[in-house]
């Protein structure tokens, strides 16, 4: 399995606080049969002033420590990037890292405040050739029936949806589990990731989330969530070459509404006579 969202680097954000904790997380990941972990610290101006160069340096140092500890885990990096006005500029300049240098990047909405330019920011990055992976929408406190359509539209227009493995298993409470199951049922989920911050309370475990997701999407699609699509991201494959989630294939119980959803991006470039 491949984990594309993990706060394993120590002393760089609110994840691992020291090297011992980071190594403990790496051991948990390896024991869970995770082969590759993307270290993705927050980029949050005014709070976590991370950028590509310091993240790369931290990963290189941590990679050496993992090898010395004999932990069979490969590492790469990206960042959990907050919605900020300079996001696209940072991607273009290379100060905001994509995942493994690919066209895919983690796009983090604010947890407690409805973002003002959510759709516009997604549009800007998609139009520029990047593919935003929206992180943990099921855990956003502002997610409700009115805002749920935002994510249906985003997925229909080419953005990816990433659920937290622990949310699918219920570790984040009934509310997060409800939204996780609804998104899985609607067939709009592209990947699962751990979003791990420590080895005990938020450990880097994917297998339990994969097994829980399989109850909604089947074992084959659940494996795509943790292996096939994450590997395609690392290989920087075009989205058109990757098996889409069930909504785009019409295979999910709730997929008809999700498949027929036409968001702001597709409407903008559609034939006006067919709109």
C-alpha atoms as a PDB file:
ATOM      1  CA  UNK A   1       0.000   0.000   0.000  1.00  0.00           C
ATOM      2  CA  UNK A   2       0.996   3.643  -0.476  1.00  0.00           C
ATOM      3  CA  UNK A   3       0.176   6.461   1.935  1.00  0.00           C
ATOM      4  CA  UNK A   4       0.101   9.855   0.211  1.00  0.00           C
ATOM      5  CA  UNK A   5      -0.738  11.971   3.267  1.00  0.00           C
ATOM      6  CA  UNK A   6       1.222  11.611   6.495  1.00  0.00           C
ATOM      7  CA  UNK A   7       2.735  14.034   9.020  1.00  0.00           C
ATOM      8  CA  UNK A   8       5.700  11.831   9.856  1.00  0.00           C
ATOM      9  CA  UNK A   9       8.481  14.422   9.647  1.00  0.00           C
ATOM     10  CA  UNK A  10       9.416  15.584  13.120  1.00  0.00           C
ATOM     11  CA  UNK A  11       9.571  19.144  14.362  1.00  0.00           C
ATOM     12  CA  UNK A  12       8.146  20.660  11.200  1.00  0.00           C
ATOM     13  CA  UNK A  13       4.422  20.972  11.961  1.00  0.00           C
ATOM     14  CA  UNK A  14       1.879  19.412  14.332  1.00  0.00           C
ATOM     15  CA  UNK A  15       2.941  15.863  13.487  1.00  0.00           C
ATOM     16  CA  UNK A  16       5.806  13.885  15.042  1.00  0.00           C
ATOM     17  CA  UNK A  17       7.493  16.014  17.708  1.00  0.00           C
ATOM     18  CA  UNK A  18      10.865  14.226  17.721  1.00  0.00           C
ATOM     19  CA  UNK A  19      12.883  11.649  15.788  1.00  0.00           C
ATOM     20  CA  UNK A  20      11.925   8.776  18.088  1.00  0.00           C
ATOM     21  CA  UNK A  21       8.231   9.452  17.433  1.00  0.00           C
ATOM     22  CA  UNK A  22       8.811   9.698  13.685  1.00  0.00           C
ATOM     23  CA  UNK A  23      10.670   6.383  13.648  1.00  0.00           C
ATOM     24  CA  UNK A  24       7.896   4.771  15.693  1.00  0.00           C
ATOM     25  CA  UNK A  25       5.422   5.967  13.068  1.00  0.00           C
ATOM     26  CA  UNK A  26       7.596   4.534  10.306  1.00  0.00           C
ATOM     27  CA  UNK A  27       7.632   1.151  12.062  1.00  0.00           C
ATOM     28  CA  UNK A  28       3.836   1.152  12.411  1.00  0.00           C
ATOM     29  CA  UNK A  29       3.472   1.982   8.709  1.00  0.00           C
ATOM     30  CA  UNK A  30       5.851  -0.782   7.627  1.00  0.00           C
ATOM     31  CA  UNK A  31       4.118  -3.303   9.878  1.00  0.00           C
ATOM     32  CA  UNK A  32       0.828  -2.367   8.192  1.00  0.00           C
ATOM     33  CA  UNK A  33       2.344  -3.296   4.802  1.00  0.00           C
ATOM     34  CA  UNK A  34       2.684   0.308   3.690  1.00  0.00           C
ATOM     35  CA  UNK A  35       5.563   0.342   1.206  1.00  0.00           C
ATOM     36  CA  UNK A  36       5.782   4.075   0.479  1.00  0.00           C
ATOM     37  CA  UNK A  37       4.882   7.058   2.643  1.00  0.00           C
ATOM     38  CA  UNK A  38       4.672  10.612   1.360  1.00  0.00           C
ATOM     39  CA  UNK A  39       5.755  12.982   4.117  1.00  0.00           C
ATOM     40  CA  UNK A  40       3.351  15.895   3.722  1.00  0.00           C
ATOM     41  CA  UNK A  41       3.728  18.611   6.371  1.00  0.00           C
ATOM     42  CA  UNK A  42       1.367  21.546   6.461  1.00  0.00           C
ATOM     43  CA  UNK A  43       1.998  24.692   4.467  1.00  0.00           C
ATOM     44  CA  UNK A  44      -0.056  27.254   6.334  1.00  0.00           C
ATOM     45  CA  UNK A  45       1.213  30.850   6.102  1.00  0.00           C
ATOM     46  CA  UNK A  46       1.552  32.419   9.517  1.00  0.00           C
ATOM     47  CA  UNK A  47       1.606  29.061  11.279  1.00  0.00           C
ATOM     48  CA  UNK A  48       3.681  26.517   9.344  1.00  0.00           C
ATOM     49  CA  UNK A  49       6.023  28.336   6.983  1.00  0.00           C
ATOM     50  CA  UNK A  50       7.225  25.268   5.147  1.00  0.00           C
ATOM     51  CA  UNK A  51       8.420  25.168   1.551  1.00  0.00           C
ATOM     52  CA  UNK A  52       9.874  22.638  -0.864  1.00  0.00           C
ATOM     53  CA  UNK A  53      13.519  23.099   0.116  1.00  0.00           C
ATOM     54  CA  UNK A  54      13.174  22.623   3.863  1.00  0.00           C
ATOM     55  CA  UNK A  55      10.733  19.730   3.380  1.00  0.00           C
ATOM     56  CA  UNK A  56      13.110  18.012   0.951  1.00  0.00           C
ATOM     57  CA  UNK A  57      16.032  18.435   3.360  1.00  0.00           C
ATOM     58  CA  UNK A  58      13.987  17.044   6.253  1.00  0.00           C
ATOM     59  CA  UNK A  59      12.947  14.011   4.210  1.00  0.00           C
ATOM     60  CA  UNK A  60      16.517  13.277   3.145  1.00  0.00           C
ATOM     61  CA  UNK A  61      17.691  13.356   6.761  1.00  0.00           C
ATOM     62  CA  UNK A  62      14.769  11.238   7.921  1.00  0.00           C
ATOM     63  CA  UNK A  63      15.289   8.747   5.097  1.00  0.00           C
ATOM     64  CA  UNK A  64      18.819   8.129   6.360  1.00  0.00           C
ATOM     65  CA  UNK A  65      17.481   7.563   9.876  1.00  0.00           C
ATOM     66  CA  UNK A  66      14.875   5.094   8.600  1.00  0.00           C
ATOM     67  CA  UNK A  67      17.531   3.138   6.717  1.00  0.00           C
ATOM     68  CA  UNK A  68      19.832   3.081   9.753  1.00  0.00           C
ATOM     69  CA  UNK A  69      16.940   1.806  11.879  1.00  0.00           C
ATOM     70  CA  UNK A  70      16.344  -1.021   9.404  1.00  0.00           C
ATOM     71  CA  UNK A  71      12.737  -0.018   8.695  1.00  0.00           C
ATOM     72  CA  UNK A  72      11.555  -1.198   5.240  1.00  0.00           C
ATOM     73  CA  UNK A  73       9.729   1.979   4.245  1.00  0.00           C
ATOM     74  CA  UNK A  74      10.339   4.177   1.218  1.00  0.00           C
ATOM     75  CA  UNK A  75       9.817   7.904   1.602  1.00  0.00           C
ATOM     76  CA  UNK A  76       8.858  10.719  -0.710  1.00  0.00           C
ATOM     77  CA  UNK A  77       7.259  14.071  -0.013  1.00  0.00           C
ATOM     78  CA  UNK A  78       4.688  16.702  -0.819  1.00  0.00           C
ATOM     79  CA  UNK A  79       2.761  19.087   1.422  1.00  0.00           C
ATOM     80  CA  UNK A  80      -0.702  19.550   2.873  1.00  0.00           C
ATOM     81  CA  UNK A  81      -1.316  22.960   1.324  1.00  0.00           C
ATOM     82  CA  UNK A  82      -3.945  25.292   2.738  1.00  0.00           C
ATOM     83  CA  UNK A  83      -6.160  27.272   0.388  1.00  0.00           C
ATOM     84  CA  UNK A  84      -4.292  30.569   0.118  1.00  0.00           C
ATOM     85  CA  UNK A  85      -4.141  33.212  -2.651  1.00  0.00           C
ATOM     86  CA  UNK A  86      -0.522  32.334  -3.482  1.00  0.00           C
ATOM     87  CA  UNK A  87      -1.183  28.576  -3.867  1.00  0.00           C
ATOM     88  CA  UNK A  88      -0.990  28.415  -7.667  1.00  0.00           C
ATOM     89  CA  UNK A  89       1.985  30.763  -7.774  1.00  0.00           C
ATOM     90  CA  UNK A  90       3.758  28.562  -5.243  1.00  0.00           C
ATOM     91  CA  UNK A  91       3.108  25.454  -7.335  1.00  0.00           C
ATOM     92  CA  UNK A  92       4.420  27.150 -10.469  1.00  0.00           C
ATOM     93  CA  UNK A  93       7.514  28.507  -8.734  1.00  0.00           C
ATOM     94  CA  UNK A  94       8.196  25.202  -7.028  1.00  0.00           C
ATOM     95  CA  UNK A  95       8.045  26.582  -3.495  1.00  0.00           C
ATOM     96  CA  UNK A  96       4.882  24.538  -2.819  1.00  0.00           C
ATOM     97  CA  UNK A  97       5.688  20.883  -3.571  1.00  0.00           C
ATOM     98  CA  UNK A  98       3.451  18.518  -5.441  1.00  0.00           C
ATOM     99  CA  UNK A  99       3.424  14.829  -4.554  1.00  0.00           C
ATOM    100  CA  UNK A 100       6.698  13.235  -5.678  1.00  0.00           C
ATOM    101  CA  UNK A 101       7.153  16.030  -8.217  1.00  0.00           C
ATOM    102  CA  UNK A 102       3.975  15.025 -10.069  1.00  0.00           C
ATOM    103  CA  UNK A 103       1.020  17.098 -11.266  1.00  0.00           C
ATOM    104  CA  UNK A 104      -0.921  15.989  -8.165  1.00  0.00           C
ATOM    105  CA  UNK A 105      -0.907  17.968  -4.919  1.00  0.00           C
ATOM    106  CA  UNK A 106      -2.717  17.939  -1.584  1.00  0.00           C
ATOM    107  CA  UNK A 107      -5.324  20.680  -1.320  1.00  0.00           C
ATOM    108  CA  UNK A 108      -6.447  21.312   2.261  1.00  0.00           C
ATOM    109  CA  UNK A 109      -9.653  23.260   2.911  1.00  0.00           C
ATOM    110  CA  UNK A 110      -9.903  25.054   6.265  1.00  0.00           C
ATOM    111  CA  UNK A 111     -11.391  22.838   8.953  1.00  0.00           C
ATOM    112  CA  UNK A 112     -13.794  25.256  10.612  1.00  0.00           C
ATOM    113  CA  UNK A 113     -14.449  28.082   8.136  1.00  0.00           C
ATOM    114  CA  UNK A 114     -16.228  27.860   4.791  1.00  0.00           C
ATOM    115  CA  UNK A 115     -13.606  28.870   2.200  1.00  0.00           C
ATOM    116  CA  UNK A 116     -14.452  31.917   0.129  1.00  0.00           C
ATOM    117  CA  UNK A 117     -12.690  30.899  -3.109  1.00  0.00           C
ATOM    118  CA  UNK A 118     -13.000  27.113  -3.003  1.00  0.00           C
ATOM    119  CA  UNK A 119     -14.349  26.584  -6.523  1.00  0.00           C
ATOM    120  CA  UNK A 120     -12.231  29.358  -8.039  1.00  0.00           C
ATOM    121  CA  UNK A 121      -9.020  27.975  -6.574  1.00  0.00           C
ATOM    122  CA  UNK A 122      -9.814  24.486  -7.817  1.00  0.00           C
ATOM    123  CA  UNK A 123     -10.557  25.895 -11.252  1.00  0.00           C
ATOM    124  CA  UNK A 124      -7.290  27.844 -11.371  1.00  0.00           C
ATOM    125  CA  UNK A 125      -5.165  24.811 -10.497  1.00  0.00           C
ATOM    126  CA  UNK A 126      -7.014  22.445 -12.827  1.00  0.00           C
ATOM    127  CA  UNK A 127      -6.787  24.922 -15.693  1.00  0.00           C
ATOM    128  CA  UNK A 128      -3.040  25.202 -15.051  1.00  0.00           C
ATOM    129  CA  UNK A 129      -2.607  21.451 -15.451  1.00  0.00           C
ATOM    130  CA  UNK A 130      -2.426  20.418 -11.810  1.00  0.00           C
ATOM    131  CA  UNK A 131      -4.735  17.914 -10.133  1.00  0.00           C
ATOM    132  CA  UNK A 132      -5.772  18.905  -6.616  1.00  0.00           C
ATOM    133  CA  UNK A 133      -6.396  16.106  -4.144  1.00  0.00           C
ATOM    134  CA  UNK A 134      -8.872  17.497  -1.612  1.00  0.00           C
ATOM    135  CA  UNK A 135      -7.808  16.232   1.789  1.00  0.00           C
ATOM    136  CA  UNK A 136     -10.187  14.817   4.420  1.00  0.00           C
ATOM    137  CA  UNK A 137     -13.438  16.594   3.387  1.00  0.00           C
ATOM    138  CA  UNK A 138     -15.367  14.188   5.638  1.00  0.00           C
ATOM    139  CA  UNK A 139     -13.843  15.833   8.713  1.00  0.00           C
ATOM    140  CA  UNK A 140     -14.633  19.452   7.849  1.00  0.00           C
ATOM    141  CA  UNK A 141     -16.907  20.918  10.501  1.00  0.00           C
ATOM    142  CA  UNK A 142     -18.734  23.040   7.918  1.00  0.00           C
ATOM    143  CA  UNK A 143     -19.652  20.104   5.680  1.00  0.00           C
ATOM    144  CA  UNK A 144     -23.426  19.726   5.482  1.00  0.00           C
ATOM    145  CA  UNK A 145     -26.067  18.875   2.894  1.00  0.00           C
ATOM    146  CA  UNK A 146     -25.787  22.335   1.338  1.00  0.00           C
ATOM    147  CA  UNK A 147     -22.008  22.130   0.897  1.00  0.00           C
ATOM    148  CA  UNK A 148     -21.853  18.455  -0.053  1.00  0.00           C
ATOM    149  CA  UNK A 149     -22.576  19.344  -3.688  1.00  0.00           C
ATOM    150  CA  UNK A 150     -19.299  21.264  -3.756  1.00  0.00           C
ATOM    151  CA  UNK A 151     -17.450  17.960  -3.555  1.00  0.00           C
ATOM    152  CA  UNK A 152     -19.673  16.209  -6.068  1.00  0.00           C
ATOM    153  CA  UNK A 153     -18.951  19.020  -8.525  1.00  0.00           C
ATOM    154  CA  UNK A 154     -15.239  19.050  -7.718  1.00  0.00           C
ATOM    155  CA  UNK A 155     -14.925  15.302  -8.337  1.00  0.00           C
ATOM    156  CA  UNK A 156     -16.924  15.547 -11.577  1.00  0.00           C
ATOM    157  CA  UNK A 157     -14.656  18.317 -12.803  1.00  0.00           C
ATOM    158  CA  UNK A 158     -11.376  16.487 -12.214  1.00  0.00           C
ATOM    159  CA  UNK A 159     -10.361  17.116  -8.619  1.00  0.00           C
ATOM    160  CA  UNK A 160      -9.627  14.072  -6.491  1.00  0.00           C
ATOM    161  CA  UNK A 161     -11.136  13.245  -3.110  1.00  0.00           C
ATOM    162  CA  UNK A 162      -9.016  11.778  -0.285  1.00  0.00           C
ATOM    163  CA  UNK A 163     -10.656  10.294   2.787  1.00  0.00           C
ATOM    164  CA  UNK A 164      -8.886   9.579   6.061  1.00  0.00           C
ATOM    165  CA  UNK A 165      -8.611   5.837   6.713  1.00  0.00           C
ATOM    166  CA  UNK A 166      -9.426   6.363  10.384  1.00  0.00           C
ATOM    167  CA  UNK A 167     -12.569   8.290   9.534  1.00  0.00           C
ATOM    168  CA  UNK A 168     -13.908   5.332   7.535  1.00  0.00           C
ATOM    169  CA  UNK A 169     -13.352   3.042  10.529  1.00  0.00           C
ATOM    170  CA  UNK A 170     -15.051   5.454  12.935  1.00  0.00           C
ATOM    171  CA  UNK A 171     -11.947   6.665  14.782  1.00  0.00           C
ATOM    172  CA  UNK A 172     -12.973  10.289  14.187  1.00  0.00           C
ATOM    173  CA  UNK A 173     -16.542   9.833  15.377  1.00  0.00           C
ATOM    174  CA  UNK A 174     -19.928   9.132  13.877  1.00  0.00           C
ATOM    175  CA  UNK A 175     -20.148  12.355  11.889  1.00  0.00           C
ATOM    176  CA  UNK A 176     -16.905  11.815   9.966  1.00  0.00           C
ATOM    177  CA  UNK A 177     -17.817   8.182   9.406  1.00  0.00           C
ATOM    178  CA  UNK A 178     -21.231   9.171   8.019  1.00  0.00           C
ATOM    179  CA  UNK A 179     -19.724  11.545   5.465  1.00  0.00           C
ATOM    180  CA  UNK A 180     -17.030   9.012   4.564  1.00  0.00           C
ATOM    181  CA  UNK A 181     -19.603   6.331   3.903  1.00  0.00           C
ATOM    182  CA  UNK A 182     -21.782   8.735   1.928  1.00  0.00           C
ATOM    183  CA  UNK A 183     -18.882   9.714  -0.332  1.00  0.00           C
ATOM    184  CA  UNK A 184     -17.913   6.077  -0.814  1.00  0.00           C
ATOM    185  CA  UNK A 185     -21.532   5.199  -1.578  1.00  0.00           C
ATOM    186  CA  UNK A 186     -21.719   8.037  -4.104  1.00  0.00           C
ATOM    187  CA  UNK A 187     -18.525   6.735  -5.694  1.00  0.00           C
ATOM    188  CA  UNK A 188     -16.501   9.958  -5.644  1.00  0.00           C
ATOM    189  CA  UNK A 189     -13.531   8.830  -3.528  1.00  0.00           C
ATOM    190  CA  UNK A 190     -10.156   8.453  -5.257  1.00  0.00           C
ATOM    191  CA  UNK A 191      -7.772   7.530  -2.450  1.00  0.00           C
ATOM    192  CA  UNK A 192      -7.493   6.760   1.233  1.00  0.00           C
ATOM    193  CA  UNK A 193      -4.590   8.082   3.304  1.00  0.00           C
ATOM    194  CA  UNK A 194      -3.709   7.969   6.986  1.00  0.00           C
ATOM    195  CA  UNK A 195      -3.159  11.695   7.683  1.00  0.00           C
ATOM    196  CA  UNK A 196      -1.219  10.260  10.606  1.00  0.00           C
ATOM    197  CA  UNK A 197       0.253  12.586  13.235  1.00  0.00           C
ATOM    198  CA  UNK A 198       1.554  10.137  15.845  1.00  0.00           C
ATOM    199  CA  UNK A 199       2.026   6.386  16.382  1.00  0.00           C
ATOM    200  CA  UNK A 200      -0.751   5.895  18.940  1.00  0.00           C
ATOM    201  CA  UNK A 201      -3.772   8.169  18.630  1.00  0.00           C
ATOM    202  CA  UNK A 202      -3.501   8.865  14.878  1.00  0.00           C
ATOM    203  CA  UNK A 203      -1.277   6.037  13.636  1.00  0.00           C
ATOM    204  CA  UNK A 204      -0.240   5.436  10.012  1.00  0.00           C
ATOM    205  CA  UNK A 205      -2.537   2.474   9.430  1.00  0.00           C
ATOM    206  CA  UNK A 206      -4.236   2.032   6.055  1.00  0.00           C
ATOM    207  CA  UNK A 207      -5.353  -1.587   6.094  1.00  0.00           C
ATOM    208  CA  UNK A 208      -8.282  -1.099   8.478  1.00  0.00           C
ATOM    209  CA  UNK A 209      -9.624   1.778   6.381  1.00  0.00           C
ATOM    210  CA  UNK A 210      -9.211  -0.248   3.205  1.00  0.00           C
ATOM    211  CA  UNK A 211     -11.163  -3.141   4.715  1.00  0.00           C
ATOM    212  CA  UNK A 212     -13.914  -0.829   5.973  1.00  0.00           C
ATOM    213  CA  UNK A 213     -14.166   0.868   2.572  1.00  0.00           C
ATOM    214  CA  UNK A 214     -14.483  -2.513   0.884  1.00  0.00           C
ATOM    215  CA  UNK A 215     -17.877  -2.938   2.530  1.00  0.00           C
ATOM    216  CA  UNK A 216     -19.097   0.008   0.418  1.00  0.00           C
ATOM    217  CA  UNK A 217     -17.124  -0.249  -2.816  1.00  0.00           C
ATOM    218  CA  UNK A 218     -15.896  -3.857  -2.913  1.00  0.00           C
ATOM    219  CA  UNK A 219     -12.434  -5.297  -2.405  1.00  0.00           C
ATOM    220  CA  UNK A 220     -11.115  -4.441  -5.879  1.00  0.00           C
ATOM    221  CA  UNK A 221     -12.024  -0.758  -5.671  1.00  0.00           C
ATOM    222  CA  UNK A 222     -10.806  -0.587  -2.065  1.00  0.00           C
ATOM    223  CA  UNK A 223      -7.405  -1.783  -3.246  1.00  0.00           C
ATOM    224  CA  UNK A 224      -7.380   0.957  -5.878  1.00  0.00           C
ATOM    225  CA  UNK A 225      -7.847   3.477  -3.060  1.00  0.00           C
ATOM    226  CA  UNK A 226      -4.629   2.473  -1.304  1.00  0.00           C
ATOM    227  CA  UNK A 227      -2.433   1.074  -4.057  1.00  0.00           C
ATOM    228  CA  UNK A 228      -3.349   1.546  -7.722  1.00  0.00           C
ATOM    229  CA  UNK A 229      -4.247   5.247  -7.742  1.00  0.00           C
ATOM    230  CA  UNK A 230      -1.559   6.303  -5.244  1.00  0.00           C
ATOM    231  CA  UNK A 231       1.033   4.494  -7.372  1.00  0.00           C
ATOM    232  CA  UNK A 232      -0.298   6.239 -10.474  1.00  0.00           C
ATOM    233  CA  UNK A 233       0.206   9.570  -8.673  1.00  0.00           C
ATOM    234  CA  UNK A 234       3.837   8.713  -7.933  1.00  0.00           C
ATOM    235  CA  UNK A 235       4.269   7.779 -11.592  1.00  0.00           C
ATOM    236  CA  UNK A 236       2.603  11.081 -12.604  1.00  0.00           C
ATOM    237  CA  UNK A 237       0.176   9.319 -14.886  1.00  0.00           C
ATOM    238  CA  UNK A 238      -2.483  11.460 -16.575  1.00  0.00           C
ATOM    239  CA  UNK A 239      -5.847  11.119 -14.895  1.00  0.00           C
ATOM    240  CA  UNK A 240      -7.304   9.779 -18.131  1.00  0.00           C
ATOM    241  CA  UNK A 241      -5.041   6.732 -17.899  1.00  0.00           C
ATOM    242  CA  UNK A 242      -6.229   5.826 -14.396  1.00  0.00           C
ATOM    243  CA  UNK A 243      -9.331   3.804 -13.521  1.00  0.00           C
ATOM    244  CA  UNK A 244     -11.758   6.437 -12.195  1.00  0.00           C
ATOM    245  CA  UNK A 245     -13.818   6.046  -9.031  1.00  0.00           C
ATOM    246  CA  UNK A 246     -17.220   4.335  -9.339  1.00  0.00           C
ATOM    247  CA  UNK A 247     -19.203   7.542  -9.947  1.00  0.00           C
ATOM    248  CA  UNK A 248     -17.383   8.154 -13.214  1.00  0.00           C
ATOM    249  CA  UNK A 249     -17.928   4.503 -14.177  1.00  0.00           C
ATOM    250  CA  UNK A 250     -21.580   4.402 -13.112  1.00  0.00           C
ATOM    251  CA  UNK A 251     -20.866   1.490 -10.766  1.00  0.00           C
ATOM    252  CA  UNK A 252     -21.831   2.964  -7.384  1.00  0.00           C
ATOM    253  CA  UNK A 253     -25.299   2.773  -5.796  1.00  0.00           C
ATOM    254  CA  UNK A 254     -25.398   6.559  -5.501  1.00  0.00           C
ATOM    255  CA  UNK A 255     -23.373   7.245  -8.632  1.00  0.00           C
ATOM    256  CA  UNK A 256     -26.135   8.398 -10.984  1.00  0.00           C
ATOM    257  CA  UNK A 257     -26.438  11.766  -9.264  1.00  0.00           C
ATOM    258  CA  UNK A 258     -22.672  12.086  -8.890  1.00  0.00           C
ATOM    259  CA  UNK A 259     -21.985  11.066 -12.492  1.00  0.00           C
ATOM    260  CA  UNK A 260     -24.536  13.505 -13.875  1.00  0.00           C
ATOM    261  CA  UNK A 261     -23.149  16.353 -11.774  1.00  0.00           C
ATOM    262  CA  UNK A 262     -21.703  19.075 -13.989  1.00  0.00           C
ATOM    263  CA  UNK A 263     -19.725  21.578 -11.985  1.00  0.00           C
ATOM    264  CA  UNK A 264     -18.323  25.016 -12.696  1.00  0.00           C
ATOM    265  CA  UNK A 265     -15.311  23.711 -14.667  1.00  0.00           C
ATOM    266  CA  UNK A 266     -17.251  21.484 -17.067  1.00  0.00           C
ATOM    267  CA  UNK A 267     -20.016  24.077 -17.505  1.00  0.00           C
ATOM    268  CA  UNK A 268     -17.493  26.745 -18.427  1.00  0.00           C
ATOM    269  CA  UNK A 269     -16.112  24.713 -21.324  1.00  0.00           C
ATOM    270  CA  UNK A 270     -19.324  22.999 -22.411  1.00  0.00           C
ATOM    271  CA  UNK A 271     -21.181  23.619 -25.651  1.00  0.00           C
ATOM    272  CA  UNK A 272     -23.697  26.383 -24.771  1.00  0.00           C
ATOM    273  CA  UNK A 273     -26.272  24.799 -27.076  1.00  0.00           C
ATOM    274  CA  UNK A 274     -26.080  21.589 -24.999  1.00  0.00           C
ATOM    275  CA  UNK A 275     -25.937  23.265 -21.597  1.00  0.00           C
END
